[in-house]
PDB file of N, CA and C in Angstrom:
ATOM      1  N   UNK A   1      76.235 115.201 103.860  1.00  0.00           N
ATOM      2  CA  UNK A   1      78.136 115.302 103.089  1.00  0.00           C
ATOM      3  C   UNK A   1      77.605 115.937 102.245  1.00  0.00           C
ATOM      4  N   UNK A   2      77.205 115.494 100.957  1.00  0.00           N
ATOM      5  CA  UNK A   2      77.224 115.637  99.789  1.00  0.00           C
ATOM      6  C   UNK A   2      76.504 117.553  99.645  1.00  0.00           C
ATOM      7  N   UNK A   3      75.652 117.443 100.370  1.00  0.00           N
ATOM      8  CA  UNK A   3      75.273 119.016 100.420  1.00  0.00           C
ATOM      9  C   UNK A   3      76.056 119.914 100.751  1.00  0.00           C
ATOM     10  N   UNK A   4      76.876 119.709 102.346  1.00  0.00           N
ATOM     11  CA  UNK A   4      77.905 120.262 102.495  1.00  0.00           C
ATOM     12  C   UNK A   4      79.198 120.607 102.040  1.00  0.00           C
ATOM     13  N   UNK A   5      79.443 119.871 101.261  1.00  0.00           N
ATOM     14  CA  UNK A   5      80.508 120.367 100.367  1.00  0.00           C
ATOM     15  C   UNK A   5      80.095 120.734  99.318  1.00  0.00           C
ATOM     16  N   UNK A   6      79.125 120.563  98.246  1.00  0.00           N
ATOM     17  CA  UNK A   6      78.214 120.890  97.137  1.00  0.00           C
ATOM     18  C   UNK A   6      78.093 122.694  97.564  1.00  0.00           C
ATOM     19  N   UNK A   7      78.097 122.830  98.791  1.00  0.00           N
ATOM     20  CA  UNK A   7      77.879 124.083  99.233  1.00  0.00           C
ATOM     21  C   UNK A   7      79.217 125.113  99.707  1.00  0.00           C
ATOM     22  N   UNK A   8      79.936 124.402  99.980  1.00  0.00           N
ATOM     23  CA  UNK A   8      81.363 124.799 100.163  1.00  0.00           C
ATOM     24  C   UNK A   8      82.048 125.129  99.043  1.00  0.00           C
ATOM     25  N   UNK A   9      82.323 124.174  97.891  1.00  0.00           N
ATOM     26  CA  UNK A   9      83.280 124.238  96.773  1.00  0.00           C
ATOM     27  C   UNK A   9      82.568 125.089  95.733  1.00  0.00           C
ATOM     28  N   UNK A  10      81.356 125.013  96.229  1.00  0.00           N
ATOM     29  CA  UNK A  10      80.566 125.442  94.490  1.00  0.00           C
ATOM     30  C   UNK A  10      80.773 127.121  94.876  1.00  0.00           C
ATOM     31  N   UNK A  11      81.022 127.224  93.178  1.00  0.00           N
ATOM     32  CA  UNK A  11      80.725 127.187  91.781  1.00  0.00           C
ATOM     33  C   UNK A  11      81.797 126.405  91.227  1.00  0.00           C
ATOM     34  N   UNK A  12      82.869 126.320  91.743  1.00  0.00           N
ATOM     35  CA  UNK A  12      83.995 125.816  90.739  1.00  0.00           C
ATOM     36  C   UNK A  12      83.902 124.242  90.665  1.00  0.00           C
ATOM     37  N   UNK A  13      82.820 123.606  92.238  1.00  0.00           N
ATOM     38  CA  UNK A  13      83.090 122.073  92.303  1.00  0.00           C
ATOM     39  C   UNK A  13      81.767 121.878  92.580  1.00  0.00           C
ATOM     40  N   UNK A  14      81.538 121.027  91.710  1.00  0.00           N
ATOM     41  CA  UNK A  14      80.119 120.240  91.798  1.00  0.00           C
ATOM     42  C   UNK A  14      80.741 118.751  92.853  1.00  0.00           C
ATOM     43  N   UNK A  15      79.490 118.668  93.742  1.00  0.00           N
ATOM     44  CA  UNK A  15      79.520 117.362  94.064  1.00  0.00           C
ATOM     45  C   UNK A  15      78.238 117.023  94.002  1.00  0.00           C
ATOM     46  N   UNK A  16      78.318 115.584  94.013  1.00  0.00           N
ATOM     47  CA  UNK A  16      77.344 114.512  93.754  1.00  0.00           C
ATOM     48  C   UNK A  16      77.423 113.570  93.982  1.00  0.00           C
ATOM     49  N   UNK A  17      76.551 112.773  94.623  1.00  0.00           N
ATOM     50  CA  UNK A  17      76.610 111.286  95.145  1.00  0.00           C
ATOM     51  C   UNK A  17      76.042 110.247  94.160  1.00  0.00           C
ATOM     52  N   UNK A  18      76.701 109.074  93.963  1.00  0.00           N
ATOM     53  CA  UNK A  18      76.214 108.350  92.736  1.00  0.00           C
ATOM     54  C   UNK A  18      75.489 107.023  93.648  1.00  0.00           C
ATOM     55  N   UNK A  19      74.537 106.543  93.659  1.00  0.00           N
ATOM     56  CA  UNK A  19      74.120 105.515  94.276  1.00  0.00           C
ATOM     57  C   UNK A  19      73.901 104.041  93.625  1.00  0.00           C
ATOM     58  N   UNK A  20      74.787 103.411  93.097  1.00  0.00           N
ATOM     59  CA  UNK A  20      74.380 102.094  92.429  1.00  0.00           C
ATOM     60  C   UNK A  20      73.417 100.984  92.329  1.00  0.00           C
ATOM     61  N   UNK A  21      73.335 100.885  93.682  1.00  0.00           N
ATOM     62  CA  UNK A  21      72.562  99.732  93.913  1.00  0.00           C
ATOM     63  C   UNK A  21      73.299  98.358  93.985  1.00  0.00           C
ATOM     64  N   UNK A  22      72.602  97.100  94.218  1.00  0.00           N
ATOM     65  CA  UNK A  22      73.445  95.931  93.864  1.00  0.00           C
ATOM     66  C   UNK A  22      74.107  95.926  92.494  1.00  0.00           C
ATOM     67  N   UNK A  23      75.029  95.331  92.097  1.00  0.00           N
ATOM     68  CA  UNK A  23      75.896  94.768  91.143  1.00  0.00           C
ATOM     69  C   UNK A  23      76.208  93.950  90.816  1.00  0.00           C
ATOM     70  N   UNK A  24      75.907  93.393  89.790  1.00  0.00           N
ATOM     71  CA  UNK A  24      76.910  91.935  89.604  1.00  0.00           C
ATOM     72  C   UNK A  24      78.036  91.620  89.028  1.00  0.00           C
ATOM     73  N   UNK A  25      79.010  91.405  89.826  1.00  0.00           N
ATOM     74  CA  UNK A  25      80.495  91.437  89.613  1.00  0.00           C
ATOM     75  C   UNK A  25      80.831  89.684  89.783  1.00  0.00           C
ATOM     76  N   UNK A  26      81.942  89.497  89.562  1.00  0.00           N
ATOM     77  CA  UNK A  26      82.599  88.290  89.543  1.00  0.00           C
ATOM     78  C   UNK A  26      82.720  88.158  90.972  1.00  0.00           C
ATOM     79  N   UNK A  27      82.904  89.233  92.035  1.00  0.00           N
ATOM     80  CA  UNK A  27      83.082  89.235  93.801  1.00  0.00           C
ATOM     81  C   UNK A  27      81.431  88.358  94.174  1.00  0.00           C
ATOM     82  N   UNK A  28      80.457  89.305  93.345  1.00  0.00           N
ATOM     83  CA  UNK A  28      79.196  88.751  94.040  1.00  0.00           C
ATOM     84  C   UNK A  28      78.925  87.582  93.507  1.00  0.00           C
ATOM     85  N   UNK A  29      79.454  87.244  92.060  1.00  0.00           N
ATOM     86  CA  UNK A  29      78.810  85.858  91.402  1.00  0.00           C
ATOM     87  C   UNK A  29      79.460  84.525  92.068  1.00  0.00           C
ATOM     88  N   UNK A  30      80.697  85.074  92.754  1.00  0.00           N
ATOM     89  CA  UNK A  30      81.069  83.756  93.581  1.00  0.00           C
ATOM     90  C   UNK A  30      81.008  83.652  95.254  1.00  0.00           C
ATOM     91  N   UNK A  31      79.978  84.778  95.641  1.00  0.00           N
ATOM     92  CA  UNK A  31      79.752  84.462  96.930  1.00  0.00           C
ATOM     93  C   UNK A  31      78.648  83.503  97.541  1.00  0.00           C
ATOM     94  N   UNK A  32      78.689  82.535  98.168  1.00  0.00           N
ATOM     95  CA  UNK A  32      78.060  81.679  98.409  1.00  0.00           C
ATOM     96  C   UNK A  32      76.651  82.020  98.717  1.00  0.00           C
ATOM     97  N   UNK A  33      76.133  82.782  99.778  1.00  0.00           N
ATOM     98  CA  UNK A  33      74.791  83.770  99.526  1.00  0.00           C
ATOM     99  C   UNK A  33      74.240  83.878  98.293  1.00  0.00           C
ATOM    100  N   UNK A  34      75.373  84.365  97.134  1.00  0.00           N
ATOM    101  CA  UNK A  34      74.762  84.663  96.018  1.00  0.00           C
ATOM    102  C   UNK A  34      74.117  83.244  95.429  1.00  0.00           C
ATOM    103  N   UNK A  35      75.375  82.480  95.415  1.00  0.00           N
ATOM    104  CA  UNK A  35      74.506  81.152  94.823  1.00  0.00           C
ATOM    105  C   UNK A  35      73.721  80.304  95.503  1.00  0.00           C
ATOM    106  N   UNK A  36      72.960  80.902  96.500  1.00  0.00           N
ATOM    107  CA  UNK A  36      72.153  79.888  97.300  1.00  0.00           C
ATOM    108  C   UNK A  36      70.846  80.590  97.630  1.00  0.00           C
ATOM    109  N   UNK A  37      70.784  81.336  96.163  1.00  0.00           N
ATOM    110  CA  UNK A  37      69.449  81.966  96.167  1.00  0.00           C
ATOM    111  C   UNK A  37      69.042  83.810  96.534  1.00  0.00           C
ATOM    112  N   UNK A  38      70.144  84.462  97.028  1.00  0.00           N
ATOM    113  CA  UNK A  38      70.168  86.026  97.561  1.00  0.00           C
ATOM    114  C   UNK A  38      69.808  86.481  95.880  1.00  0.00           C
ATOM    115  N   UNK A  39      70.646  86.147  95.075  1.00  0.00           N
ATOM    116  CA  UNK A  39      70.670  86.898  93.536  1.00  0.00           C
ATOM    117  C   UNK A  39      69.159  87.154  93.454  1.00  0.00           C
ATOM    118  N   UNK A  40      68.459  85.946  93.342  1.00  0.00           N
ATOM    119  CA  UNK A  40      67.324  85.789  92.933  1.00  0.00           C
ATOM    120  C   UNK A  40      66.290  86.547  93.944  1.00  0.00           C
ATOM    121  N   UNK A  41      66.384  86.656  94.872  1.00  0.00           N
ATOM    122  CA  UNK A  41      65.131  86.884  96.263  1.00  0.00           C
ATOM    123  C   UNK A  41      66.162  89.032  95.828  1.00  0.00           C
ATOM    124  N   UNK A  42      66.826  89.142  95.336  1.00  0.00           N
ATOM    125  CA  UNK A  42      66.963  90.934  95.374  1.00  0.00           C
ATOM    126  C   UNK A  42      66.743  91.251  93.976  1.00  0.00           C
ATOM    127  N   UNK A  43      66.767  90.227  92.849  1.00  0.00           N
ATOM    128  CA  UNK A  43      66.031  90.459  91.667  1.00  0.00           C
ATOM    129  C   UNK A  43      64.496  90.349  92.311  1.00  0.00           C
ATOM    130  N   UNK A  44      63.788  89.656  92.457  1.00  0.00           N
ATOM    131  CA  UNK A  44      62.379  90.070  92.846  1.00  0.00           C
ATOM    132  C   UNK A  44      61.947  91.272  93.425  1.00  0.00           C
ATOM    133  N   UNK A  45      62.795  91.613  94.287  1.00  0.00           N
ATOM    134  CA  UNK A  45      62.536  93.017  95.134  1.00  0.00           C
ATOM    135  C   UNK A  45      62.860  94.178  94.405  1.00  0.00           C
ATOM    136  N   UNK A  46      63.327  93.739  93.386  1.00  0.00           N
ATOM    137  CA  UNK A  46      63.845  95.111  92.492  1.00  0.00           C
ATOM    138  C   UNK A  46      62.871  95.185  91.239  1.00  0.00           C
ATOM    139  N   UNK A  47      61.920  96.126  91.418  1.00  0.00           N
ATOM    140  CA  UNK A  47      60.955  96.462  90.330  1.00  0.00           C
ATOM    141  C   UNK A  47      61.492  96.254  89.221  1.00  0.00           C
ATOM    142  N   UNK A  48      62.659  96.698  88.329  1.00  0.00           N
ATOM    143  CA  UNK A  48      63.420  96.422  87.127  1.00  0.00           C
ATOM    144  C   UNK A  48      63.712  94.816  87.233  1.00  0.00           C
ATOM    145  N   UNK A  49      63.629  94.039  87.921  1.00  0.00           N
ATOM    146  CA  UNK A  49      63.584  92.257  88.074  1.00  0.00           C
ATOM    147  C   UNK A  49      65.088  92.073  87.559  1.00  0.00           C
ATOM    148  N   UNK A  50      66.247  93.276  87.618  1.00  0.00           N
ATOM    149  CA  UNK A  50      67.182  92.534  86.943  1.00  0.00           C
ATOM    150  C   UNK A  50      68.698  93.730  87.969  1.00  0.00           C
ATOM    151  N   UNK A  51      69.775  92.639  88.087  1.00  0.00           N
ATOM    152  CA  UNK A  51      70.656  93.356  88.661  1.00  0.00           C
ATOM    153  C   UNK A  51      71.856  93.440  87.738  1.00  0.00           C
ATOM    154  N   UNK A  52      72.475  94.744  87.187  1.00  0.00           N
ATOM    155  CA  UNK A  52      73.282  94.920  86.115  1.00  0.00           C
ATOM    156  C   UNK A  52      74.802  94.748  86.533  1.00  0.00           C
ATOM    157  N   UNK A  53      75.435  94.578  85.440  1.00  0.00           N
ATOM    158  CA  UNK A  53      76.996  94.585  85.637  1.00  0.00           C
ATOM    159  C   UNK A  53      77.458  96.418  85.581  1.00  0.00           C
ATOM    160  N   UNK A  54      78.899  95.802  86.005  1.00  0.00           N
ATOM    161  CA  UNK A  54      79.670  97.063  86.323  1.00  0.00           C
ATOM    162  C   UNK A  54      79.160  98.478  84.942  1.00  0.00           C
ATOM    163  N   UNK A  55      79.447  97.520  83.760  1.00  0.00           N
ATOM    164  CA  UNK A  55      80.089  98.304  82.531  1.00  0.00           C
ATOM    165  C   UNK A  55      78.105  98.970  82.282  1.00  0.00           C
ATOM    166  N   UNK A  56      77.130  98.274  83.073  1.00  0.00           N
ATOM    167  CA  UNK A  56      75.781  98.429  82.426  1.00  0.00           C
ATOM    168  C   UNK A  56      75.594 100.081  82.896  1.00  0.00           C
ATOM    169  N   UNK A  57      76.239 100.188  84.300  1.00  0.00           N
ATOM    170  CA  UNK A  57      75.831 101.393  84.622  1.00  0.00           C
ATOM    171  C   UNK A  57      77.207 102.767  84.589  1.00  0.00           C
ATOM    172  N   UNK A  58      77.766 102.321  83.650  1.00  0.00           N
ATOM    173  CA  UNK A  58      78.903 103.076  83.421  1.00  0.00           C
ATOM    174  C   UNK A  58      78.495 104.749  83.072  1.00  0.00           C
ATOM    175  N   UNK A  59      77.851 104.369  81.818  1.00  0.00           N
ATOM    176  CA  UNK A  59      77.268 106.038  81.616  1.00  0.00           C
ATOM    177  C   UNK A  59      76.331 106.463  82.456  1.00  0.00           C
ATOM    178  N   UNK A  60      75.791 106.238  83.564  1.00  0.00           N
ATOM    179  CA  UNK A  60      74.868 106.484  84.695  1.00  0.00           C
ATOM    180  C   UNK A  60      75.563 107.445  85.332  1.00  0.00           C
ATOM    181  N   UNK A  61      77.285 107.204  85.175  1.00  0.00           N
ATOM    182  CA  UNK A  61      78.051 107.371  86.454  1.00  0.00           C
ATOM    183  C   UNK A  61      78.659 108.502  85.525  1.00  0.00           C
ATOM    184  N   UNK A  62      79.068 108.412  84.361  1.00  0.00           N
ATOM    185  CA  UNK A  62      79.815 109.792  83.523  1.00  0.00           C
ATOM    186  C   UNK A  62      78.792 110.413  83.495  1.00  0.00           C
ATOM    187  N   UNK A  63      77.836 109.852  83.286  1.00  0.00           N
ATOM    188  CA  UNK A  63      76.673 111.734  83.099  1.00  0.00           C
ATOM    189  C   UNK A  63      77.061 113.202  83.774  1.00  0.00           C
ATOM    190  N   UNK A  64      77.491 112.610  85.584  1.00  0.00           N
ATOM    191  CA  UNK A  64      77.559 113.411  86.281  1.00  0.00           C
ATOM    192  C   UNK A  64      78.998 114.300  86.273  1.00  0.00           C
ATOM    193  N   UNK A  65      80.039 113.722  84.698  1.00  0.00           N
ATOM    194  CA  UNK A  65      81.423 114.327  84.720  1.00  0.00           C
ATOM    195  C   UNK A  65      81.009 115.079  83.445  1.00  0.00           C
ATOM    196  N   UNK A  66      79.560 115.139  82.522  1.00  0.00           N
ATOM    197  CA  UNK A  66      79.653 115.727  81.782  1.00  0.00           C
ATOM    198  C   UNK A  66      79.075 117.127  81.952  1.00  0.00           C
ATOM    199  N   UNK A  67      79.035 117.523  80.803  1.00  0.00           N
ATOM    200  CA  UNK A  67      78.377 118.956  80.314  1.00  0.00           C
ATOM    201  C   UNK A  67      76.954 119.254  80.451  1.00  0.00           C
ATOM    202  N   UNK A  68      76.167 117.842  80.554  1.00  0.00           N
ATOM    203  CA  UNK A  68      75.087 117.763  80.527  1.00  0.00           C
ATOM    204  C   UNK A  68      74.424 117.703  82.028  1.00  0.00           C
ATOM    205  N   UNK A  69      75.338 117.496  82.907  1.00  0.00           N
ATOM    206  CA  UNK A  69      75.012 117.788  84.406  1.00  0.00           C
ATOM    207  C   UNK A  69      76.187 118.856  85.434  1.00  0.00           C
ATOM    208  N   UNK A  70      76.096 120.096  83.846  1.00  0.00           N
ATOM    209  CA  UNK A  70      77.041 121.160  84.360  1.00  0.00           C
ATOM    210  C   UNK A  70      75.976 121.801  85.734  1.00  0.00           C
ATOM    211  N   UNK A  71      74.638 121.927  85.900  1.00  0.00           N
ATOM    212  CA  UNK A  71      74.267 122.562  86.764  1.00  0.00           C
ATOM    213  C   UNK A  71      73.534 121.640  87.361  1.00  0.00           C
ATOM    214  N   UNK A  72      73.983 120.488  87.954  1.00  0.00           N
ATOM    215  CA  UNK A  72      73.824 119.699  89.307  1.00  0.00           C
ATOM    216  C   UNK A  72      74.758 119.407  89.946  1.00  0.00           C
ATOM    217  N   UNK A  73      74.451 120.058  91.537  1.00  0.00           N
ATOM    218  CA  UNK A  73      75.348 119.771  92.617  1.00  0.00           C
ATOM    219  C   UNK A  73      74.603 119.549  93.363  1.00  0.00           C
ATOM    220  N   UNK A  74      74.930 118.913  94.411  1.00  0.00           N
ATOM    221  CA  UNK A  74      74.558 118.750  95.720  1.00  0.00           C
ATOM    222  C   UNK A  74      73.207 117.817  95.421  1.00  0.00           C
ATOM    223  N   UNK A  75      73.415 116.367  94.365  1.00  0.00           N
ATOM    224  CA  UNK A  75      72.810 116.233  94.028  1.00  0.00           C
ATOM    225  C   UNK A  75      72.704 114.722  94.121  1.00  0.00           C
ATOM    226  N   UNK A  76      71.619 113.659  94.728  1.00  0.00           N
ATOM    227  CA  UNK A  76      71.568 112.279  94.587  1.00  0.00           C
ATOM    228  C   UNK A  76      71.245 111.523  93.491  1.00  0.00           C
ATOM    229  N   UNK A  77      72.079 110.591  92.724  1.00  0.00           N
ATOM    230  CA  UNK A  77      71.554 109.822  91.777  1.00  0.00           C
ATOM    231  C   UNK A  77      71.425 108.361  92.387  1.00  0.00           C
ATOM    232  N   UNK A  78      70.206 108.149  91.554  1.00  0.00           N
ATOM    233  CA  UNK A  78      69.889 106.849  92.148  1.00  0.00           C
ATOM    234  C   UNK A  78      69.777 105.809  91.224  1.00  0.00           C
ATOM    235  N   UNK A  79      71.035 104.867  90.586  1.00  0.00           N
ATOM    236  CA  UNK A  79      70.252 103.418  89.826  1.00  0.00           C
ATOM    237  C   UNK A  79      70.117 102.249  90.331  1.00  0.00           C
ATOM    238  N   UNK A  80      69.632 102.020  90.960  1.00  0.00           N
ATOM    239  CA  UNK A  80      69.343 100.505  91.872  1.00  0.00           C
ATOM    240  C   UNK A  80      68.220  99.961  90.982  1.00  0.00           C
ATOM    241  N   UNK A  81      67.773  99.995  89.835  1.00  0.00           N
ATOM    242  CA  UNK A  81      66.656  99.747  89.217  1.00  0.00           C
ATOM    243  C   UNK A  81      65.424  99.488  90.264  1.00  0.00           C
ATOM    244  N   UNK A  82      65.117 100.848  91.003  1.00  0.00           N
ATOM    245  CA  UNK A  82      63.853 100.952  91.882  1.00  0.00           C
ATOM    246  C   UNK A  82      63.758 100.455  93.343  1.00  0.00           C
ATOM    247  N   UNK A  83      65.119  99.499  93.669  1.00  0.00           N
ATOM    248  CA  UNK A  83      65.052  98.624  94.764  1.00  0.00           C
ATOM    249  C   UNK A  83      64.640  99.692  95.974  1.00  0.00           C
ATOM    250  N   UNK A  84      64.875 101.300  95.809  1.00  0.00           N
ATOM    251  CA  UNK A  84      64.942 101.871  96.744  1.00  0.00           C
ATOM    252  C   UNK A  84      63.538 101.946  97.407  1.00  0.00           C
ATOM    253  N   UNK A  85      62.674 101.679  95.982  1.00  0.00           N
ATOM    254  CA  UNK A  85      60.992 102.254  96.414  1.00  0.00           C
ATOM    255  C   UNK A  85      60.320 100.943  96.943  1.00  0.00           C
ATOM    256  N   UNK A  86      61.207  99.696  97.188  1.00  0.00           N
ATOM    257  CA  UNK A  86      60.144  98.690  97.916  1.00  0.00           C
ATOM    258  C   UNK A  86      59.413  98.863  98.717  1.00  0.00           C
ATOM    259  N   UNK A  87      58.914  98.589  99.392  1.00  0.00           N
ATOM    260  CA  UNK A  87      57.787  98.812 100.330  1.00  0.00           C
ATOM    261  C   UNK A  87      57.027 100.247  99.958  1.00  0.00           C
ATOM    262  N   UNK A  88      57.013 100.818  99.173  1.00  0.00           N
ATOM    263  CA  UNK A  88      56.174 102.083  98.645  1.00  0.00           C
ATOM    264  C   UNK A  88      55.200 102.171  98.280  1.00  0.00           C
TER     265      UNK A  88
END
């Protein structure tokens, strides 16, 4: 869908996907599975061994709206601490 919309709306509109992965929010911190070891399991499966808070990913997301990303469209920006590489 990202690539289709990027093609359809270029050059006036850029369309990209931001994929942040797991984020530690108040809601996740209060989940029973999170409290029962899911957080530690996910951290151990993430090469960066860390799950960020939303504000730690804001700059990465905002990058897509800056002039520095002006030639980027149809892209998929992953910021998941390497979780997508698990099993590679």
